[in-house]
PDB file of N, CA and C in Angstrom:
ATOM      1  N   MET A   1     -22.439 -21.564-178.270  1.00  0.00           N
ATOM      2  CA  MET A   1     -22.668 -22.965-178.520  1.00  0.00           C
ATOM      3  C   MET A   1     -21.672 -23.473-179.553  1.00  0.00           C
ATOM      4  N   LYS A   2     -21.243 -24.677-179.359  1.00  0.00           N
ATOM      5  CA  LYS A   2     -20.304 -25.272-180.295  1.00  0.00           C
ATOM      6  C   LYS A   2     -21.077 -25.989-181.405  1.00  0.00           C
ATOM      7  N   CYS A   3     -20.759 -25.665-182.642  1.00  0.00           N
ATOM      8  CA  CYS A   3     -21.398 -26.304-183.790  1.00  0.00           C
ATOM      9  C   CYS A   3     -20.395 -27.237-184.447  1.00  0.00           C
ATOM     10  N   ASN A   4     -20.735 -28.494-184.564  1.00  0.00           N
ATOM     11  CA  ASN A   4     -19.893 -29.398-185.322  1.00  0.00           C
ATOM     12  C   ASN A   4     -20.737 -30.060-186.400  1.00  0.00           C
ATOM     13  N   TRP A   5     -20.081 -30.758-187.296  1.00  0.00           N
ATOM     14  CA  TRP A   5     -20.768 -31.308-188.453  1.00  0.00           C
ATOM     15  C   TRP A   5     -21.765 -32.386-188.066  1.00  0.00           C
ATOM     16  N   LYS A   6     -21.530 -33.096-186.964  1.00  0.00           N
ATOM     17  CA  LYS A   6     -22.467 -34.129-186.555  1.00  0.00           C
ATOM     18  C   LYS A   6     -23.815 -33.536-186.175  1.00  0.00           C
ATOM     19  N   GLU A   7     -23.791 -32.435-185.473  1.00  0.00           N
ATOM     20  CA  GLU A   7     -25.043 -31.817-185.050  1.00  0.00           C
ATOM     21  C   GLU A   7     -25.788 -31.175-186.209  1.00  0.00           C
ATOM     22  N   ILE A   8     -25.062 -30.632-187.161  1.00  0.00           N
ATOM     23  CA  ILE A   8     -25.710 -29.905-188.250  1.00  0.00           C
ATOM     24  C   ILE A   8     -26.095 -30.810-189.417  1.00  0.00           C
ATOM     25  N   ILE A   9     -25.279 -31.826-189.725  1.00  0.00           N
ATOM     26  CA  ILE A   9     -25.525 -32.653-190.901  1.00  0.00           C
ATOM     27  C   ILE A   9     -25.976 -34.070-190.549  1.00  0.00           C
ATOM     28  N   LEU A  10     -25.248 -34.736-189.679  1.00  0.00           N
ATOM     29  CA  LEU A  10     -25.483 -36.159-189.449  1.00  0.00           C
ATOM     30  C   LEU A  10     -26.791 -36.440-188.723  1.00  0.00           C
ATOM     31  N   TYR A  11     -27.075 -35.753-187.655  1.00  0.00           N
ATOM     32  CA  TYR A  11     -28.288 -36.017-186.886  1.00  0.00           C
ATOM     33  C   TYR A  11     -29.560 -35.715-187.677  1.00  0.00           C
ATOM     34  N   PRO A  12     -29.647 -34.585-188.395  1.00  0.00           N
ATOM     35  CA  PRO A  12     -30.849 -34.383-189.231  1.00  0.00           C
ATOM     36  C   PRO A  12     -30.977 -35.419-190.350  1.00  0.00           C
ATOM     37  N   ALA A  13     -29.852 -35.883-190.894  1.00  0.00           N
ATOM     38  CA  ALA A  13     -29.916 -36.893-191.957  1.00  0.00           C
ATOM     39  C   ALA A  13     -30.466 -38.208-191.418  1.00  0.00           C
ATOM     40  N   ILE A  14     -29.982 -38.616-190.254  1.00  0.00           N
ATOM     41  CA  ILE A  14     -30.481 -39.850-189.654  1.00  0.00           C
ATOM     42  C   ILE A  14     -31.955 -39.709-189.301  1.00  0.00           C
ATOM     43  N   SER A  15     -32.334 -38.573-188.750  1.00  0.00           N
ATOM     44  CA  SER A  15     -33.738 -38.345-188.399  1.00  0.00           C
ATOM     45  C   SER A  15     -34.633 -38.368-189.635  1.00  0.00           C
ATOM     46  N   ALA A  16     -34.186 -37.758-190.718  1.00  0.00           N
ATOM     47  CA  ALA A  16     -34.986 -37.737-191.949  1.00  0.00           C
ATOM     48  C   ALA A  16     -35.173 -39.145-192.500  1.00  0.00           C
ATOM     49  N   VAL A  17     -34.125 -39.964-192.463  1.00  0.00           N
ATOM     50  CA  VAL A  17     -34.233 -41.336-192.949  1.00  0.00           C
ATOM     51  C   VAL A  17     -35.174 -42.152-192.056  1.00  0.00           C
ATOM     52  N   VAL A  18     -35.065 -41.973-190.749  1.00  0.00           N
ATOM     53  CA  VAL A  18     -35.934 -42.712-189.826  1.00  0.00           C
ATOM     54  C   VAL A  18     -37.393 -42.298-190.005  1.00  0.00           C
ATOM     55  N   PHE A  19     -37.670 -41.010-190.045  1.00  0.00           N
ATOM     56  CA  PHE A  19     -39.049 -40.535-190.213  1.00  0.00           C
ATOM     57  C   PHE A  19     -39.638 -41.016-191.532  1.00  0.00           C
ATOM     58  N   THR A  20     -38.868 -40.933-192.612  1.00  0.00           N
ATOM     59  CA  THR A  20     -39.360 -41.376-193.909  1.00  0.00           C
ATOM     60  C   THR A  20     -39.548 -42.888-193.919  1.00  0.00           C
ATOM     61  N   GLY A  21     -38.650 -43.610-193.263  1.00  0.00           N
ATOM     62  CA  GLY A  21     -38.800 -45.062-193.170  1.00  0.00           C
ATOM     63  C   GLY A  21     -40.061 -45.463-192.438  1.00  0.00           C
ATOM     64  N   ILE A  22     -40.400 -44.745-191.387  1.00  0.00           N
ATOM     65  CA  ILE A  22     -41.638 -45.024-190.655  1.00  0.00           C
ATOM     66  C   ILE A  22     -42.849 -44.775-191.551  1.00  0.00           C
ATOM     67  N   LEU A  23     -42.822 -43.678-192.309  1.00  0.00           N
ATOM     68  CA  LEU A  23     -43.936 -43.392-193.220  1.00  0.00           C
ATOM     69  C   LEU A  23     -44.039 -44.433-194.330  1.00  0.00           C
ATOM     70  N   VAL A  24     -42.891 -44.862-194.877  1.00  0.00           N
ATOM     71  CA  VAL A  24     -42.899 -45.888-195.925  1.00  0.00           C
ATOM     72  C   VAL A  24     -43.462 -47.192-195.376  1.00  0.00           C
ATOM     73  N   PHE A  25     -43.046 -47.578-194.188  1.00  0.00           N
ATOM     74  CA  PHE A  25     -43.544 -48.819-193.596  1.00  0.00           C
ATOM     75  C   PHE A  25     -45.053 -48.741-193.360  1.00  0.00           C
ATOM     76  N   GLY A  26     -45.514 -47.605-192.848  1.00  0.00           N
ATOM     77  CA  GLY A  26     -46.949 -47.442-192.626  1.00  0.00           C
ATOM     78  C   GLY A  26     -47.738 -47.497-193.920  1.00  0.00           C
ATOM     79  N   ASN A  27     -47.249 -46.851-194.953  1.00  0.00           N
ATOM     80  CA  ASN A  27     -47.942 -46.880-196.243  1.00  0.00           C
ATOM     81  C   ASN A  27     -47.868 -48.256-196.881  1.00  0.00           C
ATOM     82  N   TRP A  28     -46.777 -48.953-196.691  1.00  0.00           N
ATOM     83  CA  TRP A  28     -46.637 -50.295-197.233  1.00  0.00           C
ATOM     84  C   TRP A  28     -47.635 -51.248-196.566  1.00  0.00           C
ATOM     85  N   ARG A  29     -47.799 -51.107-195.255  1.00  0.00           N
ATOM     86  CA  ARG A  29     -48.740 -51.969-194.530  1.00  0.00           C
ATOM     87  C   ARG A  29     -50.184 -51.713-194.971  1.00  0.00           C
ATOM     88  N   ARG A  30     -50.498 -50.480-195.311  1.00  0.00           N
ATOM     89  CA  ARG A  30     -51.857 -50.153-195.775  1.00  0.00           C
ATOM     90  C   ARG A  30     -52.034 -50.420-197.258  1.00  0.00           C
ATOM     91  N   GLY A  31     -50.920 -50.614-197.984  1.00  0.00           N
ATOM     92  CA  GLY A  31     -50.995 -50.853-199.423  1.00  0.00           C
ATOM     93  C   GLY A  31     -51.142 -49.583-200.230  1.00  0.00           C
ATOM     94  N   THR A  32     -50.664 -48.452-199.691  1.00  0.00           N
ATOM     95  CA  THR A  32     -50.817 -47.173-200.394  1.00  0.00           C
ATOM     96  C   THR A  32     -49.467 -46.534-200.704  1.00  0.00           C
ATOM     97  N   LEU A  33     -48.498 -47.340-201.096  1.00  0.00           N
ATOM     98  CA  LEU A  33     -47.180 -46.792-201.416  1.00  0.00           C
ATOM     99  C   LEU A  33     -47.241 -45.919-202.661  1.00  0.00           C
ATOM    100  N   ASP A  34     -46.551 -44.791-202.625  1.00  0.00           N
ATOM    101  CA  ASP A  34     -46.395 -43.937-203.798  1.00  0.00           C
ATOM    102  C   ASP A  34     -45.100 -44.330-204.495  1.00  0.00           C
ATOM    103  N   THR A  35     -44.668 -43.506-205.439  1.00  0.00           N
ATOM    104  CA  THR A  35     -43.417 -43.803-206.138  1.00  0.00           C
ATOM    105  C   THR A  35     -42.237 -43.601-205.196  1.00  0.00           C
ATOM    106  N   VAL A  36     -41.123 -44.206-205.539  1.00  0.00           N
ATOM    107  CA  VAL A  36     -39.912 -44.101-204.718  1.00  0.00           C
ATOM    108  C   VAL A  36     -39.423 -42.662-204.687  1.00  0.00           C
ATOM    109  N   TRP A  37     -39.564 -41.951-205.787  1.00  0.00           N
ATOM    110  CA  TRP A  37     -39.071 -40.570-205.854  1.00  0.00           C
ATOM    111  C   TRP A  37     -39.813 -39.661-204.879  1.00  0.00           C
ATOM    112  N   PHE A  38     -41.075 -39.954-204.626  1.00  0.00           N
ATOM    113  CA  PHE A  38     -41.839 -39.177-203.653  1.00  0.00           C
ATOM    114  C   PHE A  38     -41.188 -39.265-202.276  1.00  0.00           C
ATOM    115  N   TYR A  39     -40.790 -40.453-201.877  1.00  0.00           N
ATOM    116  CA  TYR A  39     -40.181 -40.638-200.562  1.00  0.00           C
ATOM    117  C   TYR A  39     -38.757 -40.084-200.513  1.00  0.00           C
ATOM    118  N   VAL A  40     -38.044 -40.151-201.616  1.00  0.00           N
ATOM    119  CA  VAL A  40     -36.703 -39.557-201.664  1.00  0.00           C
ATOM    120  C   VAL A  40     -36.794 -38.042-201.512  1.00  0.00           C
ATOM    121  N   ILE A  41     -37.724 -37.425-202.230  1.00  0.00           N
ATOM    122  CA  ILE A  41     -37.905 -35.980-202.131  1.00  0.00           C
ATOM    123  C   ILE A  41     -38.385 -35.602-200.734  1.00  0.00           C
ATOM    124  N   MET A  42     -39.255 -36.424-200.147  1.00  0.00           N
ATOM    125  CA  MET A  42     -39.731 -36.157-198.797  1.00  0.00           C
ATOM    126  C   MET A  42     -38.575 -36.224-197.792  1.00  0.00           C
ATOM    127  N   ALA A  43     -37.708 -37.209-197.922  1.00  0.00           N
ATOM    128  CA  ALA A  43     -36.568 -37.328-197.013  1.00  0.00           C
ATOM    129  C   ALA A  43     -35.618 -36.147-197.183  1.00  0.00           C
ATOM    130  N   LEU A  44     -35.389 -35.715-198.416  1.00  0.00           N
ATOM    131  CA  LEU A  44     -34.523 -34.549-198.652  1.00  0.00           C
ATOM    132  C   LEU A  44     -35.141 -33.277-198.080  1.00  0.00           C
ATOM    133  N   ALA A  45     -36.452 -33.144-198.198  1.00  0.00           N
ATOM    134  CA  ALA A  45     -37.119 -31.965-197.638  1.00  0.00           C
ATOM    135  C   ALA A  45     -37.036 -31.972-196.108  1.00  0.00           C
ATOM    136  N   PHE A  46     -37.279 -33.133-195.486  1.00  0.00           N
ATOM    137  CA  PHE A  46     -37.125 -33.244-194.030  1.00  0.00           C
ATOM    138  C   PHE A  46     -35.716 -32.860-193.611  1.00  0.00           C
ATOM    139  N   PHE A  47     -34.722 -33.400-194.341  1.00  0.00           N
ATOM    140  CA  PHE A  47     -33.331 -33.119-194.012  1.00  0.00           C
ATOM    141  C   PHE A  47     -33.032 -31.632-194.135  1.00  0.00           C
ATOM    142  N   ALA A  48     -33.459 -31.019-195.228  1.00  0.00           N
ATOM    143  CA  ALA A  48     -33.167 -29.601-195.446  1.00  0.00           C
ATOM    144  C   ALA A  48     -33.784 -28.734-194.355  1.00  0.00           C
ATOM    145  N   ILE A  49     -35.025 -29.010-194.011  1.00  0.00           N
ATOM    146  CA  ILE A  49     -35.686 -28.211-192.978  1.00  0.00           C
ATOM    147  C   ILE A  49     -34.982 -28.365-191.638  1.00  0.00           C
ATOM    148  N   MET A  50     -34.652 -29.599-191.275  1.00  0.00           N
ATOM    149  CA  MET A  50     -34.008 -29.819-189.975  1.00  0.00           C
ATOM    150  C   MET A  50     -32.587 -29.279-189.935  1.00  0.00           C
ATOM    151  N   ALA A  51     -31.816 -29.449-191.030  1.00  0.00           N
ATOM    152  CA  ALA A  51     -30.431 -28.986-191.048  1.00  0.00           C
ATOM    153  C   ALA A  51     -30.360 -27.462-191.031  1.00  0.00           C
ATOM    154  N   ILE A  52     -31.202 -26.803-191.824  1.00  0.00           N
ATOM    155  CA  ILE A  52     -31.194 -25.340-191.842  1.00  0.00           C
ATOM    156  C   ILE A  52     -31.657 -24.792-190.492  1.00  0.00           C
ATOM    157  N   GLY A  53     -32.689 -25.379-189.936  1.00  0.00           N
ATOM    158  CA  GLY A  53     -33.151 -24.950-188.619  1.00  0.00           C
ATOM    159  C   GLY A  53     -32.101 -25.147-187.547  1.00  0.00           C
ATOM    160  N   LYS A  54     -31.431 -26.302-187.572  1.00  0.00           N
ATOM    161  CA  LYS A  54     -30.378 -26.576-186.586  1.00  0.00           C
ATOM    162  C   LYS A  54     -29.215 -25.602-186.755  1.00  0.00           C
ATOM    163  N   TYR A  55     -28.867 -25.285-188.006  1.00  0.00           N
ATOM    164  CA  TYR A  55     -27.772 -24.348-188.263  1.00  0.00           C
ATOM    165  C   TYR A  55     -28.103 -22.967-187.708  1.00  0.00           C
ATOM    166  N   PHE A  56     -29.297 -22.488-187.985  1.00  0.00           N
ATOM    167  CA  PHE A  56     -29.670 -21.145-187.507  1.00  0.00           C
ATOM    168  C   PHE A  56     -29.824 -21.088-185.991  1.00  0.00           C
ATOM    169  N   LEU A  57     -30.224 -22.178-185.377  1.00  0.00           N
ATOM    170  CA  LEU A  57     -30.378 -22.189-183.929  1.00  0.00           C
ATOM    171  C   LEU A  57     -29.034 -22.277-183.197  1.00  0.00           C
ATOM    172  N   THR A  58     -28.039 -22.901-183.809  1.00  0.00           N
ATOM    173  CA  THR A  58     -26.776 -23.123-183.104  1.00  0.00           C
ATOM    174  C   THR A  58     -25.621 -22.276-183.621  1.00  0.00           C
ATOM    175  N   ARG A  59     -25.849 -21.420-184.610  1.00  0.00           N
ATOM    176  CA  ARG A  59     -24.728 -20.628-185.129  1.00  0.00           C
ATOM    177  C   ARG A  59     -24.292 -19.597-184.106  1.00  0.00           C
ATOM    178  N   LYS A  60     -23.054 -19.171-184.250  1.00  0.00           N
ATOM    179  CA  LYS A  60     -22.504 -18.185-183.318  1.00  0.00           C
ATOM    180  C   LYS A  60     -22.898 -16.790-183.768  1.00  0.00           C
ATOM    181  N   LYS A  61     -23.315 -16.004-182.855  1.00  0.00           N
ATOM    182  CA  LYS A  61     -23.669 -14.611-183.142  1.00  0.00           C
ATOM    183  C   LYS A  61     -22.397 -13.774-183.049  1.00  0.00           C
ATOM    184  N   LYS A  62     -22.215 -12.876-184.002  1.00  0.00           N
ATOM    185  CA  LYS A  62     -21.025 -12.023-184.006  1.00  0.00           C
ATOM    186  C   LYS A  62     -21.296 -10.700-183.350  1.00  0.00           C
TER     187      LYS A  62
END
C-alpha cells in the first residue's frame, strides 16, 4: 500500500475537527458547553488515535 502524508496526517486531522465540531455544536444547543481546552484536547486525542491507527494499518511490511 502506498502511504502519503494526506492519508496519514490530513484526513485524520479533518475528521477530528469535524467530529469535535459536531460535539461542540450539540453541546452548545443543549447549553452544556465545557471549557475550550476540553474540546482542544479531545480533538488532539481523536487525531492521535486516528493517525496512529492509519499509520499502522498502511505501513509497509519489511
